[in-house]
Amino acid sequence: MISVRAATVADVPAITGIYNEAILTTDATFDNEPKSVASQEKWFAAHDARHPILVAERDGKVVGWASLSPWSDR
């Protein structure tokens, strides 16, 4: 069974691993260089209740994530 919950900063390494795998093996992102956990912690800190990050867990392991981000700061 998969459960969905709000992400915590402790989830950032798992989120980073999933995202880096997508960077290296898919066309799902325009990023072409893997991200560091430190850079993704800054990304995480920029989110708030209006722009949440969610994770999907199976058997206590993060297996997916989703986030909302502002389109533009303009």
Protein backbone atom coordinates (compact mmCIF):
# COMPACT_ATOMS: atom_id res chain seq x y z
CA MET A 1 0.00 0.00 0.00
CA ILE A 2 1.21 3.50 -0.80
CA SER A 3 0.56 6.44 1.50
CA VAL A 4 0.98 10.12 0.70
CA ARG A 5 2.09 12.69 3.26
CA ALA A 6 3.73 16.08 3.54
CA ALA A 7 7.48 15.89 3.03
CA THR A 8 9.94 16.75 5.77
CA VAL A 9 13.54 17.86 5.45
CA ALA A 10 14.52 14.29 6.38
CA ASP A 11 13.01 13.22 3.03
CA VAL A 12 15.32 15.45 0.97
CA PRO A 13 17.98 12.76 0.35
CA ALA A 14 15.34 10.35 -0.99
CA ILE A 15 13.71 13.08 -3.10
CA THR A 16 17.15 14.03 -4.46
CA GLY A 17 17.89 10.42 -5.38
CA ILE A 18 14.60 10.05 -7.24
CA TYR A 19 15.09 13.36 -9.03
CA ASN A 20 18.69 12.59 -10.00
CA GLU A 21 17.62 9.25 -11.46
CA ALA A 22 15.08 11.11 -13.60
CA ILE A 23 17.71 13.65 -14.70
CA LEU A 24 20.03 10.88 -15.83
CA THR A 25 17.55 8.49 -17.45
CA THR A 26 14.47 10.41 -18.64
CA ASP A 27 13.31 13.53 -20.44
CA ALA A 28 10.98 14.48 -17.58
CA THR A 29 13.08 17.52 -16.60
CA PHE A 30 15.13 20.15 -18.36
CA ASP A 31 17.88 19.73 -15.76
CA ASN A 32 20.86 17.84 -17.12
CA GLU A 33 23.19 17.74 -14.12
CA PRO A 34 22.43 15.80 -10.93
CA LYS A 35 21.54 17.90 -7.88
CA SER A 36 23.26 17.80 -4.50
CA VAL A 37 21.36 17.19 -1.30
CA ALA A 38 22.54 20.63 -0.11
CA SER A 39 21.03 22.38 -3.15
CA GLN A 40 17.80 20.43 -2.73
CA GLU A 41 17.61 21.44 0.93
CA LYS A 42 17.55 25.08 -0.26
CA TRP A 43 14.83 24.16 -2.78
CA PHE A 44 12.88 22.46 0.02
CA ALA A 45 13.18 25.51 2.29
CA ALA A 46 11.66 27.72 -0.43
CA HIS A 47 8.36 25.80 -0.25
CA ASP A 48 5.48 26.65 2.05
CA ALA A 49 1.88 25.67 2.73
CA ARG A 50 0.76 27.20 -0.56
CA HIS A 51 3.50 25.36 -2.46
CA PRO A 52 3.80 22.01 -0.68
CA ILE A 53 6.04 19.03 -1.27
CA LEU A 54 4.44 15.61 -0.89
CA VAL A 55 6.03 12.18 -0.75
CA ALA A 56 4.61 8.75 -1.50
CA GLU A 57 5.77 5.99 0.84
CA ARG A 58 5.63 2.22 0.55
CA ASP A 59 6.74 0.11 3.48
CA GLY A 60 8.34 3.17 5.11
CA LYS A 61 10.43 4.06 2.02
CA VAL A 62 9.93 7.18 -0.10
CA VAL A 63 9.12 5.94 -3.60
CA GLY A 64 7.85 9.14 -5.21
CA TRP A 65 7.31 12.84 -4.67
CA ALA A 66 5.47 15.84 -6.06
CA SER A 67 5.66 19.57 -5.44
CA LEU A 68 3.98 22.81 -6.33
CA SER A 69 6.17 25.79 -7.07
CA PRO A 70 5.44 29.35 -8.13
CA TRP A 71 5.58 29.72 -11.91
CA SER A 72 7.41 33.03 -11.75
CA ASP A 73 8.39 35.61 -9.16
CA ARG A 74 7.07 38.38 -11.42
